PDB file of N, CA and C in Angstrom:
ATOM      1  N   MET A   1       0.844  -1.180   0.000  1.00  0.00           N
ATOM      2  CA  MET A   1       0.000   0.000   0.000  1.00  0.00           C
ATOM      3  C   MET A   1       0.887   1.240   0.000  1.00  0.00           C
ATOM      4  N   ASN A   2       0.569   2.189  -0.854  1.00  0.00           N
ATOM      5  CA  ASN A   2       1.333   3.429  -0.910  1.00  0.00           C
ATOM      6  C   ASN A   2       0.684   4.498  -0.042  1.00  0.00           C
ATOM      7  N   ILE A   3       1.535   5.269   0.615  1.00  0.00           N
ATOM      8  CA  ILE A   3       1.106   6.417   1.407  1.00  0.00           C
ATOM      9  C   ILE A   3       1.963   7.604   0.995  1.00  0.00           C
ATOM     10  N   ARG A   4       1.568   8.783   1.419  1.00  0.00           N
ATOM     11  CA  ARG A   4       2.353   9.986   1.149  1.00  0.00           C
ATOM     12  C   ARG A   4       2.929  10.472   2.475  1.00  0.00           C
ATOM     13  N   VAL A   5       4.242  10.631   2.501  1.00  0.00           N
ATOM     14  CA  VAL A   5       4.983  10.947   3.719  1.00  0.00           C
ATOM     15  C   VAL A   5       5.442  12.404   3.680  1.00  0.00           C
ATOM     16  N   PRO A   6       5.261  13.125   4.788  1.00  0.00           N
ATOM     17  CA  PRO A   6       5.688  14.531   4.822  1.00  0.00           C
ATOM     18  C   PRO A   6       7.204  14.690   4.696  1.00  0.00           C
ATOM     19  N   ILE A   7       7.600  15.660   3.877  1.00  0.00           N
ATOM     20  CA  ILE A   7       9.015  16.021   3.723  1.00  0.00           C
ATOM     21  C   ILE A   7       9.143  17.535   3.805  1.00  0.00           C
ATOM     22  N   THR A   8      10.382  17.974   3.955  1.00  0.00           N
ATOM     23  CA  THR A   8      10.704  19.396   3.901  1.00  0.00           C
ATOM     24  C   THR A   8      11.799  19.589   2.869  1.00  0.00           C
ATOM     25  N   ILE A   9      11.508  20.376   1.851  1.00  0.00           N
ATOM     26  CA  ILE A   9      12.506  20.734   0.842  1.00  0.00           C
ATOM     27  C   ILE A   9      13.229  21.961   1.374  1.00  0.00           C
ATOM     28  N   ASP A  10      14.546  21.842   1.554  1.00  0.00           N
ATOM     29  CA  ASP A  10      15.252  22.968   2.175  1.00  0.00           C
ATOM     30  C   ASP A  10      16.199  23.707   1.242  1.00  0.00           C
ATOM     31  N   GLY A  11      16.147  23.407  -0.055  1.00  0.00           N
ATOM     32  CA  GLY A  11      16.941  24.185  -0.993  1.00  0.00           C
ATOM     33  C   GLY A  11      17.347  23.383  -2.207  1.00  0.00           C
ATOM     34  N   PHE A  12      17.995  24.065  -3.140  1.00  0.00           N
ATOM     35  CA  PHE A  12      18.478  23.425  -4.359  1.00  0.00           C
ATOM     36  C   PHE A  12      19.898  22.929  -4.160  1.00  0.00           C
ATOM     37  N   ALA A  13      20.166  21.724  -4.638  1.00  0.00           N
ATOM     38  CA  ALA A  13      21.525  21.187  -4.646  1.00  0.00           C
ATOM     39  C   ALA A  13      22.198  21.537  -5.967  1.00  0.00           C
ATOM     40  N   ASP A  14      21.378  21.572  -7.036  1.00  0.00           N
ATOM     41  CA  ASP A  14      21.904  21.883  -8.365  1.00  0.00           C
ATOM     42  C   ASP A  14      20.758  22.421  -9.212  1.00  0.00           C
ATOM     43  N   GLU A  15      20.855  23.655  -9.620  1.00  0.00           N
ATOM     44  CA  GLU A  15      19.819  24.225 -10.471  1.00  0.00           C
ATOM     45  C   GLU A  15      20.294  24.377 -11.914  1.00  0.00           C
ATOM     46  N   THR A  16      21.504  23.892 -12.199  1.00  0.00           N
ATOM     47  CA  THR A  16      22.037  24.028 -13.552  1.00  0.00           C
ATOM     48  C   THR A  16      21.494  22.963 -14.494  1.00  0.00           C
ATOM     49  N   THR A  17      21.004  21.851 -13.946  1.00  0.00           N
ATOM     50  CA  THR A  17      20.410  20.806 -14.775  1.00  0.00           C
ATOM     51  C   THR A  17      18.898  20.955 -14.743  1.00  0.00           C
ATOM     52  N   PHE A  18      18.241  20.468 -15.782  1.00  0.00           N
ATOM     53  CA  PHE A  18      16.785  20.524 -15.802  1.00  0.00           C
ATOM     54  C   PHE A  18      16.246  19.180 -15.365  1.00  0.00           C
ATOM     55  N   PRO A  19      15.316  19.098 -14.442  1.00  0.00           N
ATOM     56  CA  PRO A  19      14.528  20.170 -13.838  1.00  0.00           C
ATOM     57  C   PRO A  19      15.133  20.716 -12.549  1.00  0.00           C
ATOM     58  N   GLY A  20      16.353  20.367 -12.256  1.00  0.00           N
ATOM     59  CA  GLY A  20      16.989  20.794 -11.015  1.00  0.00           C
ATOM     60  C   GLY A  20      17.014  19.664 -10.003  1.00  0.00           C
ATOM     61  N   VAL A  21      17.873  19.812  -9.015  1.00  0.00           N
ATOM     62  CA  VAL A  21      18.040  18.808  -7.963  1.00  0.00           C
ATOM     63  C   VAL A  21      17.886  19.520  -6.632  1.00  0.00           C
ATOM     64  N   VAL A  22      17.048  18.955  -5.749  1.00  0.00           N
ATOM     65  CA  VAL A  22      16.790  19.591  -4.458  1.00  0.00           C
ATOM     66  C   VAL A  22      17.291  18.745  -3.300  1.00  0.00           C
ATOM     67  N   ASN A  23      17.617  19.445  -2.217  1.00  0.00           N
ATOM     68  CA  ASN A  23      17.878  18.811  -0.922  1.00  0.00           C
ATOM     69  C   ASN A  23      16.553  18.756  -0.179  1.00  0.00           C
ATOM     70  N   PHE A  24      16.269  17.628   0.459  1.00  0.00           N
ATOM     71  CA  PHE A  24      15.074  17.548   1.293  1.00  0.00           C
ATOM     72  C   PHE A  24      15.299  16.517   2.383  1.00  0.00           C
ATOM     73  N   TYR A  25      14.419  16.524   3.362  1.00  0.00           N
ATOM     74  CA  TYR A  25      14.525  15.541   4.440  1.00  0.00           C
ATOM     75  C   TYR A  25      13.147  15.130   4.918  1.00  0.00           C
ATOM     76  N   LEU A  26      13.131  13.953   5.542  1.00  0.00           N
ATOM     77  CA  LEU A  26      11.970  13.527   6.308  1.00  0.00           C
ATOM     78  C   LEU A  26      12.474  13.242   7.710  1.00  0.00           C
ATOM     79  N   LYS A  27      11.562  13.224   8.656  1.00  0.00           N
ATOM     80  CA  LYS A  27      11.945  12.947  10.038  1.00  0.00           C
ATOM     81  C   LYS A  27      11.504  11.537  10.411  1.00  0.00           C
ATOM     82  N   ASP A  28      12.421  10.810  11.058  1.00  0.00           N
ATOM     83  CA  ASP A  28      12.069   9.477  11.510  1.00  0.00           C
ATOM     84  C   ASP A  28      11.311   9.564  12.836  1.00  0.00           C
ATOM     85  N   TYR A  29      10.960   8.420  13.399  1.00  0.00           N
ATOM     86  CA  TYR A  29      10.138   8.370  14.614  1.00  0.00           C
ATOM     87  C   TYR A  29      10.795   9.071  15.804  1.00  0.00           C
ATOM     88  N   ALA A  30      12.119   9.167  15.803  1.00  0.00           N
ATOM     89  CA  ALA A  30      12.834   9.805  16.910  1.00  0.00           C
ATOM     90  C   ALA A  30      13.100  11.283  16.644  1.00  0.00           C
ATOM     91  N   GLY A  31      12.610  11.802  15.510  1.00  0.00           N
ATOM     92  CA  GLY A  31      12.804  13.207  15.184  1.00  0.00           C
ATOM     93  C   GLY A  31      14.094  13.506  14.451  1.00  0.00           C
ATOM     94  N   ARG A  32      14.857  12.467  14.091  1.00  0.00           N
ATOM     95  CA  ARG A  32      16.101  12.671  13.343  1.00  0.00           C
ATOM     96  C   ARG A  32      15.778  13.001  11.890  1.00  0.00           C
ATOM     97  N   LYS A  33      16.539  13.914  11.323  1.00  0.00           N
ATOM     98  CA  LYS A  33      16.372  14.261   9.914  1.00  0.00           C
ATOM     99  C   LYS A  33      17.128  13.260   9.048  1.00  0.00           C
ATOM    100  N   ILE A  34      16.429  12.718   8.048  1.00  0.00           N
ATOM    101  CA  ILE A  34      17.032  11.823   7.072  1.00  0.00           C
ATOM    102  C   ILE A  34      17.136  12.617   5.782  1.00  0.00           C
ATOM    103  N   HIS A  35      18.351  12.804   5.293  1.00  0.00           N
ATOM    104  CA  HIS A  35      18.604  13.711   4.170  1.00  0.00           C
ATOM    105  C   HIS A  35      18.625  12.985   2.828  1.00  0.00           C
ATOM    106  N   PHE A  36      18.046  13.654   1.844  1.00  0.00           N
ATOM    107  CA  PHE A  36      17.931  13.149   0.480  1.00  0.00           C
ATOM    108  C   PHE A  36      18.347  14.239  -0.496  1.00  0.00           C
ATOM    109  N   VAL A  37      18.770  13.828  -1.679  1.00  0.00           N
ATOM    110  CA  VAL A  37      19.034  14.733  -2.799  1.00  0.00           C
ATOM    111  C   VAL A  37      18.461  14.041  -4.025  1.00  0.00           C
ATOM    112  N   ASN A  38      17.531  14.713  -4.719  1.00  0.00           N
ATOM    113  CA  ASN A  38      16.899  14.074  -5.861  1.00  0.00           C
ATOM    114  C   ASN A  38      16.374  15.116  -6.842  1.00  0.00           C
ATOM    115  N   ASN A  39      16.010  14.641  -8.028  1.00  0.00           N
ATOM    116  CA  ASN A  39      15.445  15.530  -9.048  1.00  0.00           C
ATOM    117  C   ASN A  39      14.163  16.167  -8.553  1.00  0.00           C
ATOM    118  N   THR A  40      14.009  17.433  -8.842  1.00  0.00           N
ATOM    119  CA  THR A  40      12.828  18.181  -8.431  1.00  0.00           C
ATOM    120  C   THR A  40      11.546  17.504  -8.889  1.00  0.00           C
ATOM    121  N   SER A  41      11.523  17.022 -10.134  1.00  0.00           N
ATOM    122  CA  SER A  41      10.297  16.443 -10.694  1.00  0.00           C
ATOM    123  C   SER A  41       9.882  15.153  -9.993  1.00  0.00           C
ATOM    124  N   ILE A  42      10.808  14.465  -9.341  1.00  0.00           N
ATOM    125  CA  ILE A  42      10.478  13.254  -8.592  1.00  0.00           C
ATOM    126  C   ILE A  42       9.972  13.610  -7.202  1.00  0.00           C
ATOM    127  N   VAL A  43      10.512  14.666  -6.629  1.00  0.00           N
ATOM    128  CA  VAL A  43      10.214  15.040  -5.246  1.00  0.00           C
ATOM    129  C   VAL A  43       8.909  15.817  -5.100  1.00  0.00           C
ATOM    130  N   THR A  44       8.607  16.688  -6.054  1.00  0.00           N
ATOM    131  CA  THR A  44       7.443  17.554  -5.900  1.00  0.00           C
ATOM    132  C   THR A  44       6.778  17.836  -7.241  1.00  0.00           C
ATOM    133  N   LYS A  45       5.492  18.104  -7.197  1.00  0.00           N
ATOM    134  CA  LYS A  45       4.766  18.549  -8.386  1.00  0.00           C
ATOM    135  C   LYS A  45       4.750  20.068  -8.475  1.00  0.00           C
ATOM    136  N   LEU A  46       5.272  20.723  -7.437  1.00  0.00           N
ATOM    137  CA  LEU A  46       5.339  22.184  -7.425  1.00  0.00           C
ATOM    138  C   LEU A  46       6.373  22.669  -8.433  1.00  0.00           C
ATOM    139  N   ASN A  47       6.123  23.789  -9.029  1.00  0.00           N
ATOM    140  CA  ASN A  47       7.056  24.399  -9.962  1.00  0.00           C
ATOM    141  C   ASN A  47       7.956  25.337  -9.159  1.00  0.00           C
ATOM    142  N   ILE A  48       9.051  24.805  -8.622  1.00  0.00           N
ATOM    143  CA  ILE A  48       9.918  25.611  -7.760  1.00  0.00           C
ATOM    144  C   ILE A  48      11.243  25.894  -8.448  1.00  0.00           C
ATOM    145  N   SER A  49      11.895  26.936  -7.969  1.00  0.00           N
ATOM    146  CA  SER A  49      13.230  27.287  -8.448  1.00  0.00           C
ATOM    147  C   SER A  49      14.052  27.723  -7.250  1.00  0.00           C
ATOM    148  N   ALA A  50      15.319  27.968  -7.487  1.00  0.00           N
ATOM    149  CA  ALA A  50      16.206  28.413  -6.411  1.00  0.00           C
ATOM    150  C   ALA A  50      15.770  29.760  -5.843  1.00  0.00           C
ATOM    151  N   ALA A  51      14.952  30.512  -6.601  1.00  0.00           N
ATOM    152  CA  ALA A  51      14.478  31.818  -6.146  1.00  0.00           C
ATOM    153  C   ALA A  51      13.345  31.705  -5.114  1.00  0.00           C
ATOM    154  N   HIS A  52      12.777  30.520  -4.956  1.00  0.00           N
ATOM    155  CA  HIS A  52      11.689  30.344  -3.995  1.00  0.00           C
ATOM    156  C   HIS A  52      12.188  30.501  -2.564  1.00  0.00           C
ATOM    157  N   SER A  53      11.269  30.791  -1.688  1.00  0.00           N
ATOM    158  CA  SER A  53      11.572  30.874  -0.261  1.00  0.00           C
ATOM    159  C   SER A  53      11.498  29.462   0.333  1.00  0.00           C
ATOM    160  N   PHE A  54      12.554  29.039   0.955  1.00  0.00           N
ATOM    161  CA  PHE A  54      12.630  27.709   1.569  1.00  0.00           C
ATOM    162  C   PHE A  54      12.611  27.856   3.076  1.00  0.00           C
ATOM    163  N   PRO A  55      12.141  26.874   3.817  1.00  0.00           N
ATOM    164  CA  PRO A  55      11.770  25.521   3.416  1.00  0.00           C
ATOM    165  C   PRO A  55      10.359  25.448   2.829  1.00  0.00           C
ATOM    166  N   ILE A  56      10.124  24.355   2.071  1.00  0.00           N
ATOM    167  CA  ILE A  56       8.820  24.077   1.478  1.00  0.00           C
ATOM    168  C   ILE A  56       8.362  22.709   1.959  1.00  0.00           C
ATOM    169  N   LYS A  57       7.178  22.642   2.506  1.00  0.00           N
ATOM    170  CA  LYS A  57       6.602  21.365   2.957  1.00  0.00           C
ATOM    171  C   LYS A  57       5.924  20.686   1.776  1.00  0.00           C
ATOM    172  N   ASP A  58       6.077  19.367   1.681  1.00  0.00           N
ATOM    173  CA  ASP A  58       5.427  18.600   0.626  1.00  0.00           C
ATOM    174  C   ASP A  58       5.292  17.154   1.098  1.00  0.00           C
ATOM    175  N   LEU A  59       4.856  16.297   0.204  1.00  0.00           N
ATOM    176  CA  LEU A  59       4.672  14.875   0.489  1.00  0.00           C
ATOM    177  C   LEU A  59       5.316  14.064  -0.623  1.00  0.00           C
ATOM    178  N   ILE A  60       5.932  12.926  -0.265  1.00  0.00           N
ATOM    179  CA  ILE A  60       6.436  12.000  -1.278  1.00  0.00           C
ATOM    180  C   ILE A  60       5.712  10.667  -1.126  1.00  0.00           C
ATOM    181  N   PRO A  61       5.490   9.973  -2.251  1.00  0.00           N
ATOM    182  CA  PRO A  61       4.869   8.657  -2.155  1.00  0.00           C
ATOM    183  C   PRO A  61       5.887   7.625  -1.672  1.00  0.00           C
ATOM    184  N   CYS A  62       5.436   6.765  -0.776  1.00  0.00           N
ATOM    185  CA  CYS A  62       6.258   5.678  -0.245  1.00  0.00           C
ATOM    186  C   CYS A  62       5.397   4.436  -0.099  1.00  0.00           C
ATOM    187  N   GLU A  63       6.053   3.299  -0.085  1.00  0.00           N
ATOM    188  CA  GLU A  63       5.360   2.053   0.192  1.00  0.00           C
ATOM    189  C   GLU A  63       5.315   1.845   1.704  1.00  0.00           C
ATOM    190  N   MET A  64       4.124   1.586   2.240  1.00  0.00           N
ATOM    191  CA  MET A  64       4.006   1.259   3.655  1.00  0.00           C
ATOM    192  C   MET A  64       4.263  -0.235   3.804  1.00  0.00           C
ATOM    193  N   ILE A  65       5.287  -0.594   4.573  1.00  0.00           N
ATOM    194  CA  ILE A  65       5.640  -1.991   4.775  1.00  0.00           C
ATOM    195  C   ILE A  65       4.830  -2.594   5.914  1.00  0.00           C
ATOM    196  N   ARG A  66       4.784  -1.883   7.053  1.00  0.00           N
ATOM    197  CA  ARG A  66       4.016  -2.372   8.201  1.00  0.00           C
ATOM    198  C   ARG A  66       3.791  -1.247   9.194  1.00  0.00           C
ATOM    199  N   THR A  67       2.852  -1.449  10.089  1.00  0.00           N
ATOM    200  CA  THR A  67       2.582  -0.514  11.177  1.00  0.00           C
ATOM    201  C   THR A  67       2.503  -1.291  12.477  1.00  0.00           C
ATOM    202  N   TRP A  68       2.813  -0.620  13.588  1.00  0.00           N
ATOM    203  CA  TRP A  68       2.699  -1.206  14.915  1.00  0.00           C
ATOM    204  C   TRP A  68       2.777  -0.098  15.945  1.00  0.00           C
ATOM    205  N   LYS A  69       2.530  -0.449  17.198  1.00  0.00           N
ATOM    206  CA  LYS A  69       2.673   0.504  18.298  1.00  0.00           C
ATOM    207  C   LYS A  69       3.852   0.083  19.155  1.00  0.00           C
ATOM    208  N   ASP A  70       4.657   1.072  19.546  1.00  0.00           N
ATOM    209  CA  ASP A  70       5.787   0.775  20.413  1.00  0.00           C
ATOM    210  C   ASP A  70       5.319   0.673  21.863  1.00  0.00           C
ATOM    211  N   GLU A  71       6.264   0.528  22.767  1.00  0.00           N
ATOM    212  CA  GLU A  71       5.917   0.337  24.194  1.00  0.00           C
ATOM    213  C   GLU A  71       5.253   1.565  24.808  1.00  0.00           C
ATOM    214  N   THR A  72       5.382   2.730  24.177  1.00  0.00           N
ATOM    215  CA  THR A  72       4.718   3.940  24.677  1.00  0.00           C
ATOM    216  C   THR A  72       3.385   4.179  23.970  1.00  0.00           C
ATOM    217  N   ARG A  73       2.986   3.242  23.126  1.00  0.00           N
ATOM    218  CA  ARG A  73       1.735   3.287  22.350  1.00  0.00           C
ATOM    219  C   ARG A  73       1.799   4.249  21.162  1.00  0.00           C
ATOM    220  N   MET A  74       3.019   4.703  20.810  1.00  0.00           N
ATOM    221  CA  MET A  74       3.176   5.534  19.612  1.00  0.00           C
ATOM    222  C   MET A  74       3.016   4.619  18.399  1.00  0.00           C
ATOM    223  N   LYS A  75       2.197   5.037  17.436  1.00  0.00           N
ATOM    224  CA  LYS A  75       2.015   4.252  16.221  1.00  0.00           C
ATOM    225  C   LYS A  75       3.161   4.545  15.271  1.00  0.00           C
ATOM    226  N   LEU A  76       3.854   3.491  14.862  1.00  0.00           N
ATOM    227  CA  LEU A  76       5.004   3.601  13.977  1.00  0.00           C
ATOM    228  C   LEU A  76       4.690   2.987  12.621  1.00  0.00           C
ATOM    229  N   VAL A  77       5.349   3.504  11.609  1.00  0.00           N
ATOM    230  CA  VAL A  77       5.150   3.026  10.251  1.00  0.00           C
ATOM    231  C   VAL A  77       6.524   2.787   9.629  1.00  0.00           C
ATOM    232  N   GLU A  78       6.728   1.596   9.092  1.00  0.00           N
ATOM    233  CA  GLU A  78       7.946   1.305   8.345  1.00  0.00           C
ATOM    234  C   GLU A  78       7.636   1.579   6.877  1.00  0.00           C
ATOM    235  N   VAL A  79       8.441   2.442   6.256  1.00  0.00           N
ATOM    236  CA  VAL A  79       8.195   2.832   4.870  1.00  0.00           C
ATOM    237  C   VAL A  79       9.404   2.529   4.000  1.00  0.00           C
ATOM    238  N   ASN A  80       9.121   2.341   2.709  1.00  0.00           N
ATOM    239  CA  ASN A  80      10.148   2.142   1.696  1.00  0.00           C
ATOM    240  C   ASN A  80      10.052   3.305   0.721  1.00  0.00           C
ATOM    241  N   THR A  81      11.062   4.174   0.721  1.00  0.00           N
ATOM    242  CA  THR A  81      11.055   5.328  -0.177  1.00  0.00           C
ATOM    243  C   THR A  81      11.455   4.952  -1.603  1.00  0.00           C
ATOM    244  N   ASN A  82      11.963   3.738  -1.793  1.00  0.00           N
ATOM    245  CA  ASN A  82      12.353   3.295  -3.133  1.00  0.00           C
ATOM    246  C   ASN A  82      11.138   3.000  -4.009  1.00  0.00           C
ATOM    247  N   ALA A  83      10.038   2.633  -3.375  1.00  0.00           N
ATOM    248  CA  ALA A  83       8.800   2.350  -4.122  1.00  0.00           C
ATOM    249  C   ALA A  83       7.803   3.457  -3.833  1.00  0.00           C
ATOM    250  N   PRO A  84       7.199   4.041  -4.793  1.00  0.00           N
ATOM    251  CA  PRO A  84       7.234   3.721  -6.213  1.00  0.00           C
ATOM    252  C   PRO A  84       8.184   4.590  -7.037  1.00  0.00           C
ATOM    253  N   CYS A  85       8.912   5.534  -6.432  1.00  0.00           N
ATOM    254  CA  CYS A  85       9.653   6.548  -7.216  1.00  0.00           C
ATOM    255  C   CYS A  85      11.172   6.403  -7.199  1.00  0.00           C
ATOM    256  N   GLY A  86      11.714   5.403  -6.534  1.00  0.00           N
ATOM    257  CA  GLY A  86      13.161   5.206  -6.555  1.00  0.00           C
ATOM    258  C   GLY A  86      13.947   6.222  -5.758  1.00  0.00           C
ATOM    259  N   ILE A  87      13.416   6.655  -4.628  1.00  0.00           N
ATOM    260  CA  ILE A  87      14.072   7.675  -3.804  1.00  0.00           C
ATOM    261  C   ILE A  87      14.919   7.004  -2.724  1.00  0.00           C
ATOM    262  N   GLN A  88      16.210   7.399  -2.648  1.00  0.00           N
ATOM    263  CA  GLN A  88      17.143   6.898  -1.640  1.00  0.00           C
ATOM    264  C   GLN A  88      17.719   8.069  -0.867  1.00  0.00           C
ATOM    265  N   ASP A  89      18.053   7.833   0.420  1.00  0.00           N
ATOM    266  CA  ASP A  89      18.700   8.907   1.171  1.00  0.00           C
ATOM    267  C   ASP A  89      20.143   9.056   0.686  1.00  0.00           C
ATOM    268  N   ILE A  90      20.867  10.005   1.243  1.00  0.00           N
ATOM    269  CA  ILE A  90      22.227  10.290   0.763  1.00  0.00           C
ATOM    270  C   ILE A  90      23.194   9.132   1.011  1.00  0.00           C
ATOM    271  N   ASN A  91      22.798   8.168   1.853  1.00  0.00           N
ATOM    272  CA  ASN A  91      23.628   6.989   2.113  1.00  0.00           C
ATOM    273  C   ASN A  91      23.147   5.762   1.351  1.00  0.00           C
ATOM    274  N   GLY A  92      22.108   5.910   0.514  1.00  0.00           N
ATOM    275  CA  GLY A  92      21.588   4.792  -0.256  1.00  0.00           C
ATOM    276  C   GLY A  92      20.506   3.988   0.451  1.00  0.00           C
ATOM    277  N   ASN A  93      20.082   4.432   1.631  1.00  0.00           N
ATOM    278  CA  ASN A  93      19.041   3.715   2.383  1.00  0.00           C
ATOM    279  C   ASN A  93      17.654   4.054   1.849  1.00  0.00           C
ATOM    280  N   THR A  94      16.736   3.088   1.957  1.00  0.00           N
ATOM    281  CA  THR A  94      15.376   3.298   1.474  1.00  0.00           C
ATOM    282  C   THR A  94      14.304   2.879   2.476  1.00  0.00           C
ATOM    283  N   ILE A  95      14.682   2.208   3.559  1.00  0.00           N
ATOM    284  CA  ILE A  95      13.713   1.730   4.552  1.00  0.00           C
ATOM    285  C   ILE A  95      13.877   2.555   5.825  1.00  0.00           C
ATOM    286  N   PHE A  96      12.757   3.140   6.298  1.00  0.00           N
ATOM    287  CA  PHE A  96      12.796   4.014   7.470  1.00  0.00           C
ATOM    288  C   PHE A  96      11.578   3.769   8.337  1.00  0.00           C
ATOM    289  N   ILE A  97      11.731   4.070   9.612  1.00  0.00           N
ATOM    290  CA  ILE A  97      10.612   3.991  10.548  1.00  0.00           C
ATOM    291  C   ILE A  97      10.260   5.407  10.964  1.00  0.00           C
ATOM    292  N   ILE A  98       9.000   5.758  10.733  1.00  0.00           N
ATOM    293  CA  ILE A  98       8.515   7.096  11.054  1.00  0.00           C
ATOM    294  C   ILE A  98       7.305   6.962  11.965  1.00  0.00           C
ATOM    295  N   SER A  99       6.985   8.035  12.685  1.00  0.00           N
ATOM    296  CA  SER A  99       5.757   8.016  13.484  1.00  0.00           C
ATOM    297  C   SER A  99       4.598   8.348  12.578  1.00  0.00           C
ATOM    298  N   GLU A 100       3.462   7.745  12.880  1.00  0.00           N
ATOM    299  CA  GLU A 100       2.304   7.987  12.031  1.00  0.00           C
ATOM    300  C   GLU A 100       1.807   9.402  12.197  1.00  0.00           C
ATOM    301  N   LYS A 101       1.600  10.045  11.098  1.00  0.00           N
ATOM    302  CA  LYS A 101       1.033  11.390  11.035  1.00  0.00           C
ATOM    303  C   LYS A 101      -0.175  11.280  10.121  1.00  0.00           C
ATOM    304  N   PRO A 102      -0.888  12.355   9.924  1.00  0.00           N
ATOM    305  CA  PRO A 102      -1.989  12.268   8.956  1.00  0.00           C
ATOM    306  C   PRO A 102      -1.460  12.106   7.534  1.00  0.00           C
ATOM    307  N   PHE A 103      -1.326  10.876   7.078  1.00  0.00           N
ATOM    308  CA  PHE A 103      -0.874  10.605   5.724  1.00  0.00           C
ATOM    309  C   PHE A 103      -2.043  10.738   4.773  1.00  0.00           C
ATOM    310  N   THR A 104      -1.744  11.029   3.515  1.00  0.00           N
ATOM    311  CA  THR A 104      -2.795  11.085   2.496  1.00  0.00           C
ATOM    312  C   THR A 104      -2.479  10.094   1.411  1.00  0.00           C
TER     313      THR A 104
END
């Protein structure tokens, strides 16, 4: 099942190529920022440029692998950012555990 996970686009990594490459992050269940760099057209449907005011909140599609509650009853979601759009963090990782938020 695919869900949309909140991200924050915090700037351009490269605007010399079309459609540009942006830096963005998502937060895991512990509040740590997981950093990504990817083509603008994969990350957002917004028409953004380096001239925009950052940060920009958006959502990326991810595969939901499983959900559960931890010992504090926080609902956690294991997601795969590689499906369906092939998104990897800067270290090549694609599986993350995030806290459940209002996903769409």
